[in-house]
């Protein structure tokens, strides 16, 4: 009799679970097909997928930097009509139109860090986001080599206002903690190229948080190392300079030029971290605050940056704990 009752209740609860799962799936499918966001909880938002992306429009495309030889940088504003919620630091996927000549299948999505729109974009920040991207400079001599590469960046950089674009996501956990956002920690940011994008959102969020809870002078210190080739590729320079002013001495930006200046002045971000070791060391427990570390940029630099930080913190007994908490987001 006991075994029979166990089997009965097992079948009953299994049936209930299956019915609930089917109901959940129907809710998800309805949310996706209607283009609306279905919230599982306040912190868990359903993501748009490759099969059911969010249909958006390009609002503007602006050239913001170039080295004049092999690369240019663009600021792209995307209108999501209020249907796309993300946390600063997350990234989206963008599906370029067309079929790959190599695979004969639709192009795969390309990931881009999400950033808030700028004041000069002249759009509603609640219905638009921006991305910063790098695209190759195409010439008659190299056009064949790019036939099936840089597809999405070439599509976006050549788009015009009103061009439809399909978005997936948001994705990622490269985000400020509550203590970071409230200014309880010092922050060490390391970026190269378009890896600067998430930090624009971080700085905006910290300013907004400080203005609602007190003064910006109450937040922790922020140190940003930004790796770029030369002044002509110093993207978002005026934006960063404006943030330096608004943070009233709490934000320091160190541009790291790899192809500009004298030999003693040039260097990659990992080189500048070593040269500024006293400044970097001062971020740890300065003012009684811990230091949160964020690294975002090209895939080739993260190990070198971490090694430089290990060297700088070599005499800090908490070095391993500090570095274990570092958040890293890299791209190819």
Foldseek 3Di string as FASTA:
>chain_A
DVVVVVVVVVVVVVVVVVVVVVVVVVVVVVCLVVLAWDDPDPVDIDKADPVRFQKKWWAAKAWFFDPPAWKTKIKTKIFRQLRDDDAQPWKKWWFFDDAAPVPRHGDDTDIFGWAFDDPVSVDDRNGMIITMDMDTDDDPVCPVVCVRHPRVVVPRNPDHGGHMITMIDRDDDLHDDPCQLLQQAEEEEEEEQRQCRSVNSSLVSSLVNCVVVHALVSHAAYEYEYEDADPRRPGCVVVVVVSCVRSPNRYDYHYAHQHDDDPVRHDGSLVVCLVCLVVVVCRDCPVHHHYEYEYEEAPVCPVSNLVSQCVSCVVPPCSVVRSVRYHYYHDD
